[in-house]
Amino acid sequence: MSWYSDDGDLMKCTELKAGMRGRIHRIHMSEKDQKRLLVLGIYEGAPVKVERNEPRSGLLILLVCGNFLMLRHRDAEKIEVIQDEENRICR
């Protein structure tokens, strides 16, 4: 199932800034790593909100399914998200 639509912008998860929301489009990882993320609530179609994006420390903090998750940038770069034009910044 594809979550991509022409209404949004496709980008890497690491390109989202703090406060921005998106929906996971595709995860470019091994099946083992995808299963690890699935347990944490990260799967294709899941809504996410970026709480902090720290390139210097190499960490990305996401709000997924009501839980805060910390991902390494090298892992988050393998996750594509769709950003909604209407929900770019959370208020």
Foldseek 3Di string as FASTA:
>chain_A
DFPDDPQWDKAFQLPAAAQFKWFWGDAQDDPVVQVVVVVVQDDHGWIKGWHHRDVVVQWTWIQTPNDIDIDGVVRSRRIMTTGGPVGGGHD
